[in-house]
N, C-alpha and C. Protein backbone atom coordinates (compact mmCIF):
# COMPACT_ATOMS: atom_id res chain seq x y z
N MET A 1 0.65 -1.11 -0.12
CA MET A 1 -0.28 -0.19 0.00
C MET A 1 0.89 1.10 0.09
N GLY A 2 2.27 1.14 0.49
CA GLY A 2 2.84 2.31 0.40
C GLY A 2 3.36 2.87 -0.82
N ILE A 3 3.53 1.79 -1.73
CA ILE A 3 3.99 2.10 -3.23
C ILE A 3 2.74 2.96 -3.66
N ILE A 4 1.65 2.36 -3.39
CA ILE A 4 0.42 3.24 -3.97
C ILE A 4 0.19 4.59 -3.42
N LYS A 5 0.43 4.81 -2.27
CA LYS A 5 0.36 6.04 -1.61
C LYS A 5 1.40 7.02 -2.32
N ALA A 6 2.62 6.48 -2.26
CA ALA A 6 3.74 7.17 -2.90
C ALA A 6 3.32 7.62 -4.11
N THR A 7 2.68 6.97 -5.17
CA THR A 7 2.53 7.23 -6.32
C THR A 7 1.43 8.11 -6.60
N HIS A 8 0.41 8.09 -5.54
CA HIS A 8 -0.81 9.00 -5.44
C HIS A 8 -0.24 10.45 -5.18
N ILE A 9 0.61 10.46 -4.28
CA ILE A 9 1.33 11.67 -3.77
C ILE A 9 1.97 12.45 -4.99
N ILE A 10 2.89 11.73 -5.70
CA ILE A 10 3.67 11.98 -6.83
C ILE A 10 2.49 12.41 -8.16
N VAL A 11 1.70 11.73 -8.54
CA VAL A 11 0.68 11.97 -9.43
C VAL A 11 -0.37 13.20 -9.03
N MET A 12 -0.48 13.32 -7.96
CA MET A 12 -1.26 14.56 -7.35
C MET A 12 -0.62 15.98 -7.40
N VAL A 13 0.73 15.68 -7.09
CA VAL A 13 1.75 16.77 -7.43
C VAL A 13 1.68 17.42 -8.66
N THR A 14 2.00 16.25 -9.68
CA THR A 14 1.72 16.43 -10.90
C THR A 14 0.66 17.22 -11.45
N TRP A 15 -0.51 16.79 -11.02
CA TRP A 15 -1.74 17.49 -11.67
C TRP A 15 -1.83 18.90 -10.90
N PHE A 16 -1.65 19.04 -9.61
CA PHE A 16 -1.57 20.36 -9.10
C PHE A 16 -0.56 21.11 -9.80
N ALA A 17 0.58 20.87 -10.33
CA ALA A 17 1.60 21.70 -11.00
C ALA A 17 0.62 22.39 -12.20
N GLY A 18 -0.15 21.33 -13.02
CA GLY A 18 -0.80 21.79 -14.09
C GLY A 18 -1.79 22.64 -13.83
N LEU A 19 -2.81 22.36 -12.71
CA LEU A 19 -3.79 23.16 -12.15
C LEU A 19 -3.37 24.59 -11.74
N PHE A 20 -2.29 24.71 -11.17
CA PHE A 20 -1.38 25.96 -10.97
C PHE A 20 -1.05 26.69 -12.10
N TYR A 21 -0.36 25.83 -12.94
CA TYR A 21 0.48 26.67 -14.36
C TYR A 21 -0.55 27.07 -15.32
N LEU A 22 -1.37 26.09 -15.64
CA LEU A 22 -2.34 26.35 -16.85
C LEU A 22 -2.80 27.57 -16.66
N PRO A 23 -3.94 28.00 -15.55
CA PRO A 23 -4.40 29.59 -15.61
C PRO A 23 -3.27 30.61 -15.50
N ARG A 24 -2.04 30.42 -15.01
CA ARG A 24 -1.24 31.39 -15.26
C ARG A 24 -0.69 31.60 -16.59
N LEU A 25 -0.74 30.38 -17.51
CA LEU A 25 -0.59 30.52 -19.10
C LEU A 25 -1.88 31.54 -19.59
N PHE A 26 -2.82 30.97 -19.04
CA PHE A 26 -4.13 31.75 -19.56
C PHE A 26 -3.98 33.21 -19.26
N VAL A 27 -3.34 33.66 -18.02
CA VAL A 27 -3.20 35.18 -17.66
C VAL A 27 -2.21 35.61 -19.09
N TYR A 28 -1.30 35.13 -19.08
CA TYR A 28 -0.07 35.72 -20.11
C TYR A 28 -0.67 35.52 -21.66
N HIS A 29 -1.56 34.53 -21.69
CA HIS A 29 -2.12 34.37 -23.27
C HIS A 29 -3.20 35.81 -23.51
N ALA A 30 -3.79 35.77 -22.20
CA ALA A 30 -4.94 36.90 -22.40
C ALA A 30 -4.49 38.26 -22.50
N MET A 31 -3.17 38.32 -22.18
CA MET A 31 -2.54 39.66 -22.28
C MET A 31 -1.64 39.79 -23.23
N SER A 32 -1.31 38.98 -24.21
CA SER A 32 -0.62 38.98 -25.53
C SER A 32 -1.44 39.36 -26.87
N SER A 33 -0.86 39.98 -27.62
CA SER A 33 -1.46 40.29 -28.56
C SER A 33 -0.92 39.97 -30.25
N ASP A 34 0.48 39.57 -30.02
CA ASP A 34 1.16 39.30 -31.28
C ASP A 34 0.95 37.79 -31.60
N GLN A 35 0.86 37.72 -32.88
CA GLN A 35 0.62 36.25 -33.23
C GLN A 35 1.54 35.06 -32.90
N THR A 36 2.74 35.39 -33.17
CA THR A 36 3.62 34.44 -32.48
C THR A 36 3.50 33.93 -30.96
N SER A 37 3.47 35.26 -30.13
CA SER A 37 2.88 34.86 -28.66
C SER A 37 1.47 33.88 -28.60
N LEU A 38 0.66 34.41 -29.34
CA LEU A 38 -0.50 33.75 -29.09
C LEU A 38 -0.51 32.20 -29.70
N ASP A 39 0.25 31.84 -30.82
CA ASP A 39 0.44 30.34 -31.34
C ASP A 39 1.05 29.81 -30.37
N ARG A 40 2.09 30.38 -29.66
CA ARG A 40 3.22 29.85 -28.70
C ARG A 40 2.35 29.29 -27.52
N PHE A 41 1.40 30.26 -26.98
CA PHE A 41 0.46 30.00 -25.75
C PHE A 41 -0.22 28.86 -25.95
N LYS A 42 -0.84 28.65 -27.17
CA LYS A 42 -1.89 27.62 -27.58
C LYS A 42 -1.03 26.26 -27.70
N ILE A 43 0.07 26.20 -28.11
CA ILE A 43 1.03 24.94 -28.08
C ILE A 43 1.16 24.55 -26.62
N MET A 44 1.56 25.73 -25.64
CA MET A 44 1.82 25.45 -24.49
C MET A 44 0.74 24.87 -23.68
N GLU A 45 -0.43 25.44 -23.76
CA GLU A 45 -1.86 25.17 -22.93
C GLU A 45 -2.07 23.67 -23.18
N ARG A 46 -2.25 23.34 -25.02
CA ARG A 46 -2.58 21.93 -25.23
C ARG A 46 -1.57 21.13 -24.48
N LYS A 47 -0.27 21.03 -24.95
CA LYS A 47 0.89 20.18 -24.06
C LYS A 47 0.39 19.99 -22.66
N LEU A 48 0.27 21.05 -21.74
CA LEU A 48 0.28 21.12 -20.43
C LEU A 48 -1.13 20.25 -20.20
N PHE A 49 -2.19 20.61 -21.03
CA PHE A 49 -3.32 20.08 -20.37
C PHE A 49 -3.53 18.48 -20.74
N TYR A 50 -3.11 18.27 -22.11
CA TYR A 50 -3.26 16.73 -22.36
C TYR A 50 -2.05 16.10 -22.02
N GLY A 51 -0.91 16.61 -21.96
CA GLY A 51 0.35 16.04 -21.87
C GLY A 51 0.84 15.63 -20.33
N ILE A 52 0.44 16.39 -19.58
CA ILE A 52 0.67 16.72 -18.02
C ILE A 52 -0.64 16.52 -17.13
N MET A 53 -1.31 17.54 -17.36
CA MET A 53 -2.25 17.43 -16.28
C MET A 53 -3.66 16.30 -16.32
N THR A 54 -3.95 16.16 -17.68
CA THR A 54 -4.77 14.99 -17.81
C THR A 54 -4.30 13.60 -17.24
N PRO A 55 -3.33 13.23 -17.57
CA PRO A 55 -2.57 12.17 -17.36
C PRO A 55 -2.40 12.17 -15.53
N GLY A 56 -1.99 13.40 -15.07
CA GLY A 56 -1.99 13.33 -13.65
C GLY A 56 -3.13 12.95 -13.12
N ALA A 57 -4.08 13.82 -13.37
CA ALA A 57 -5.51 13.73 -12.82
C ALA A 57 -6.01 12.23 -12.84
N ILE A 58 -5.85 11.55 -14.05
CA ILE A 58 -6.47 10.35 -14.19
C ILE A 58 -5.73 9.24 -13.19
N LEU A 59 -4.59 9.60 -13.20
CA LEU A 59 -3.40 8.39 -12.18
C LEU A 59 -3.82 8.81 -10.87
N THR A 60 -4.16 10.32 -10.54
CA THR A 60 -4.45 10.55 -9.11
C THR A 60 -5.90 9.99 -8.73
N ILE A 61 -6.80 9.94 -9.63
CA ILE A 61 -7.93 9.30 -9.48
C ILE A 61 -7.94 7.84 -9.12
N ILE A 62 -7.06 7.14 -9.88
CA ILE A 62 -7.20 5.79 -10.14
C ILE A 62 -6.23 5.32 -8.62
N THR A 63 -5.27 6.08 -8.49
CA THR A 63 -4.37 5.27 -7.25
C THR A 63 -5.27 5.96 -5.81
N GLY A 64 -5.93 6.99 -6.04
CA GLY A 64 -6.80 7.48 -4.75
C GLY A 64 -7.95 6.43 -4.59
N PHE A 65 -8.56 6.13 -5.71
CA PHE A 65 -9.75 5.05 -5.26
C PHE A 65 -9.13 3.68 -4.92
N TRP A 66 -8.06 3.36 -5.40
CA TRP A 66 -7.30 2.33 -5.07
C TRP A 66 -7.11 2.27 -3.50
N LEU A 67 -6.48 3.34 -2.87
CA LEU A 67 -6.48 3.72 -1.53
C LEU A 67 -7.63 3.54 -0.90
N VAL A 68 -8.53 3.99 -1.29
CA VAL A 68 -10.01 4.09 -0.50
C VAL A 68 -10.33 2.43 -0.41
N MET A 69 -10.14 2.02 -1.33
CA MET A 69 -10.78 0.30 -1.54
C MET A 69 -9.97 -0.32 -0.54
N GLY A 70 -8.82 0.06 -0.64
CA GLY A 70 -7.67 -0.82 0.29
C GLY A 70 -7.84 -0.58 1.59
N GLY A 71 -8.28 0.32 2.13
CA GLY A 71 -8.27 0.23 3.69
C GLY A 71 -8.98 1.61 4.26
N TRP A 72 -8.84 2.70 3.73
CA TRP A 72 -9.82 3.92 4.25
C TRP A 72 -10.99 3.83 4.27
N GLY A 73 -11.86 3.21 3.20
CA GLY A 73 -13.08 3.00 3.33
C GLY A 73 -13.78 4.46 2.86
N PHE A 74 -14.96 4.40 2.68
CA PHE A 74 -15.68 5.49 2.40
C PHE A 74 -16.71 6.11 3.60
N SER A 75 -16.59 5.65 4.85
CA SER A 75 -17.53 5.96 5.83
C SER A 75 -16.92 7.17 6.79
N SER A 76 -15.58 7.59 6.79
CA SER A 76 -15.16 8.78 7.44
C SER A 76 -15.49 9.92 6.85
N PHE A 77 -15.95 11.05 7.86
CA PHE A 77 -16.21 12.09 7.17
C PHE A 77 -14.90 13.07 6.35
N TRP A 78 -13.90 12.69 6.84
CA TRP A 78 -12.81 13.30 6.23
C TRP A 78 -12.54 12.92 4.63
N ILE A 79 -12.73 11.69 4.53
CA ILE A 79 -12.44 10.89 3.34
C ILE A 79 -13.84 11.59 2.37
N GLN A 80 -15.29 11.82 2.96
CA GLN A 80 -16.24 11.98 1.89
C GLN A 80 -16.03 13.58 1.89
N ALA A 81 -15.40 14.10 2.65
CA ALA A 81 -15.04 15.75 2.25
C ALA A 81 -13.95 16.03 1.21
N LYS A 82 -12.95 15.06 1.30
CA LYS A 82 -11.88 15.05 0.46
C LYS A 82 -12.49 14.40 -0.96
N LEU A 83 -13.34 13.53 -1.03
CA LEU A 83 -13.82 13.30 -2.30
C LEU A 83 -14.68 14.14 -2.94
N GLY A 84 -15.38 15.00 -2.13
CA GLY A 84 -16.20 16.14 -2.78
C GLY A 84 -15.34 17.09 -3.12
N LEU A 85 -14.34 17.33 -2.42
CA LEU A 85 -13.27 18.54 -2.95
C LEU A 85 -12.72 17.88 -4.20
N VAL A 86 -12.22 16.78 -4.36
CA VAL A 86 -11.80 16.11 -5.58
C VAL A 86 -12.68 16.37 -6.59
N GLY A 87 -13.93 16.10 -6.35
CA GLY A 87 -15.19 16.42 -7.40
C GLY A 87 -15.01 17.90 -7.97
N ILE A 88 -14.90 18.79 -6.86
CA ILE A 88 -14.93 19.96 -7.41
C ILE A 88 -13.40 20.17 -8.34
N LEU A 89 -12.34 19.53 -7.91
CA LEU A 89 -11.24 19.93 -8.88
C LEU A 89 -11.17 19.33 -10.19
N ILE A 90 -12.12 18.15 -10.24
CA ILE A 90 -12.34 17.70 -11.51
C ILE A 90 -13.25 18.40 -12.61
N VAL A 91 -14.19 19.12 -11.91
CA VAL A 91 -14.82 20.14 -12.87
C VAL A 91 -14.04 21.25 -13.08
N TYR A 92 -13.32 21.75 -12.16
CA TYR A 92 -12.32 22.88 -12.48
C TYR A 92 -11.58 22.27 -13.50
N HIS A 93 -11.04 20.96 -13.62
CA HIS A 93 -10.05 20.49 -14.56
C HIS A 93 -10.79 20.74 -15.88
N PHE A 94 -11.67 20.07 -16.09
CA PHE A 94 -12.79 20.14 -17.19
C PHE A 94 -12.96 21.61 -17.77
N TRP A 95 -13.24 22.45 -16.78
CA TRP A 95 -13.33 23.98 -17.13
C TRP A 95 -12.08 24.61 -17.68
N CYS A 96 -10.87 23.96 -17.00
CA CYS A 96 -9.69 24.41 -17.88
C CYS A 96 -9.62 23.83 -19.27
N GLY A 97 -10.03 22.75 -19.56
CA GLY A 97 -10.20 21.86 -20.84
C GLY A 97 -10.96 22.88 -21.88
N ILE A 98 -12.02 23.54 -21.36
CA ILE A 98 -12.97 24.24 -22.24
C ILE A 98 -12.12 25.43 -22.55
N LEU A 99 -11.32 25.87 -21.58
CA LEU A 99 -10.74 27.52 -21.53
C LEU A 99 -9.85 27.15 -22.77
N VAL A 100 -9.08 26.12 -22.64
CA VAL A 100 -7.99 25.42 -23.82
C VAL A 100 -8.55 25.76 -25.10
N ARG A 101 -9.76 24.98 -25.20
CA ARG A 101 -10.30 25.09 -26.57
C ARG A 101 -10.91 26.42 -26.80
N LYS A 102 -11.09 27.22 -26.10
CA LYS A 102 -11.65 28.50 -26.12
C LYS A 102 -10.34 29.35 -26.81
N PHE A 103 -9.49 29.42 -26.22
CA PHE A 103 -8.49 29.94 -26.77
C PHE A 103 -7.59 29.49 -27.89
N LYS A 104 -7.92 28.04 -28.13
CA LYS A 104 -7.23 27.63 -29.28
C LYS A 104 -8.24 28.09 -30.37
N ASN A 105 -9.57 28.49 -30.54
CA ASN A 105 -10.21 28.74 -31.47
C ASN A 105 -10.58 30.46 -31.35
N ASP A 106 -9.62 30.97 -30.75
CA ASP A 106 -9.41 32.41 -30.38
C ASP A 106 -10.87 33.03 -29.87
N GLN A 107 -11.65 32.21 -29.09
CA GLN A 107 -12.71 32.64 -28.79
C GLN A 107 -12.68 33.10 -27.11
N ASN A 108 -11.62 33.58 -26.57
CA ASN A 108 -11.33 33.81 -25.15
C ASN A 108 -12.24 35.00 -24.95
N THR A 109 -13.28 35.05 -23.78
CA THR A 109 -13.83 36.32 -23.29
C THR A 109 -13.35 37.00 -22.21
N HIS A 110 -12.60 36.31 -21.60
CA HIS A 110 -12.08 36.83 -19.91
C HIS A 110 -10.96 37.37 -20.22
N SER A 111 -10.50 38.35 -19.33
CA SER A 111 -9.59 39.23 -19.14
C SER A 111 -8.34 38.47 -18.38
N HIS A 112 -7.19 39.25 -18.36
CA HIS A 112 -5.79 38.68 -17.62
C HIS A 112 -6.42 38.60 -16.17
N VAL A 113 -6.99 39.74 -15.78
CA VAL A 113 -7.37 39.75 -14.28
C VAL A 113 -8.56 38.81 -13.66
N TRP A 114 -9.28 38.46 -14.64
CA TRP A 114 -10.27 37.10 -14.34
C TRP A 114 -9.43 35.99 -14.16
N TYR A 115 -8.40 35.58 -15.26
CA TYR A 115 -7.79 34.42 -14.95
C TYR A 115 -6.84 34.52 -13.91
N ARG A 116 -6.13 35.67 -13.24
CA ARG A 116 -5.51 35.55 -12.09
C ARG A 116 -6.53 35.26 -10.67
N TRP A 117 -7.69 35.48 -10.93
CA TRP A 117 -8.50 35.06 -9.71
C TRP A 117 -9.05 33.51 -9.90
N PHE A 118 -8.99 33.30 -11.36
CA PHE A 118 -9.29 31.65 -11.48
C PHE A 118 -8.09 31.14 -11.27
N ASN A 119 -6.99 31.57 -11.24
CA ASN A 119 -5.88 30.83 -11.03
C ASN A 119 -5.66 30.75 -9.35
N GLU A 120 -6.33 31.03 -8.62
CA GLU A 120 -6.17 31.00 -7.20
C GLU A 120 -7.04 30.17 -6.57
N PHE A 121 -8.08 29.58 -7.32
CA PHE A 121 -8.97 28.62 -6.86
C PHE A 121 -8.45 27.31 -6.37
N PRO A 122 -7.67 26.54 -7.24
CA PRO A 122 -6.98 25.23 -6.87
C PRO A 122 -5.88 25.54 -5.35
N VAL A 123 -5.69 26.65 -5.31
CA VAL A 123 -4.97 26.69 -3.97
C VAL A 123 -5.66 26.33 -2.84
N LEU A 124 -7.06 27.24 -2.86
CA LEU A 124 -7.69 26.94 -1.73
C LEU A 124 -8.24 25.42 -1.35
N ILE A 125 -8.50 24.50 -2.57
CA ILE A 125 -8.98 23.42 -2.53
C ILE A 125 -7.56 22.36 -2.08
N LEU A 126 -6.52 22.69 -2.43
CA LEU A 126 -5.14 22.12 -1.91
C LEU A 126 -5.13 22.12 -0.56
N VAL A 127 -5.29 23.33 0.22
CA VAL A 127 -5.20 23.53 1.52
C VAL A 127 -6.31 22.69 2.20
N ALA A 128 -7.40 22.74 1.61
CA ALA A 128 -8.56 22.10 2.63
C ALA A 128 -8.23 20.48 2.42
N ILE A 129 -7.79 20.11 1.38
CA ILE A 129 -7.49 18.67 1.30
C ILE A 129 -6.46 18.27 2.18
N VAL A 130 -5.35 18.99 1.98
CA VAL A 130 -4.10 18.67 3.05
C VAL A 130 -4.67 18.73 4.69
N PHE A 131 -5.46 19.71 5.12
CA PHE A 131 -5.83 19.74 6.29
C PHE A 131 -6.74 18.44 6.62
N LEU A 132 -7.51 18.19 5.55
CA LEU A 132 -8.49 16.78 5.73
C LEU A 132 -7.58 15.58 5.98
N VAL A 133 -6.81 15.61 5.29
CA VAL A 133 -5.56 14.14 5.12
C VAL A 133 -4.64 14.14 6.36
N VAL A 134 -4.28 15.27 6.88
CA VAL A 134 -3.46 15.07 7.93
C VAL A 134 -4.35 15.24 9.20
N LEU A 135 -5.33 16.07 9.46
CA LEU A 135 -5.84 15.98 10.69
C LEU A 135 -7.17 15.09 10.78
N LYS A 136 -7.67 14.59 9.56
CA LYS A 136 -8.64 13.67 9.76
C LYS A 136 -9.64 13.77 10.43
N PRO A 137 -10.41 14.98 10.64
CA PRO A 137 -11.47 15.31 11.52
C PRO A 137 -12.87 14.41 11.53
């Protein structure tokens, strides 16, 4: 079970790296106006979302489910709350995917300021999840 837990932490960190960095790319993309930069951001966003974030998310969910089925169970408040927060992160992840497609099709409607606020959301979820896992209330 230790290998699964370590793998879960590693892939979770990978997923969160993407959740933190992709919206930051959106900030810079929304501020750009020259075609070279716009094209570069589209490539970076696509590679980050599909090459790093999505595999990280999938493996986090798989290993997390494995840990729950292997001993934690679903009956504790902390695990139910954590799973609820993970569900919110999954929605946020898909929302990021929608935004990647909007930028790809030159259909972005948000300002760089909006993306700066959007970028802060996963930090709040991470803090809550870490407290739940460590304190197990």
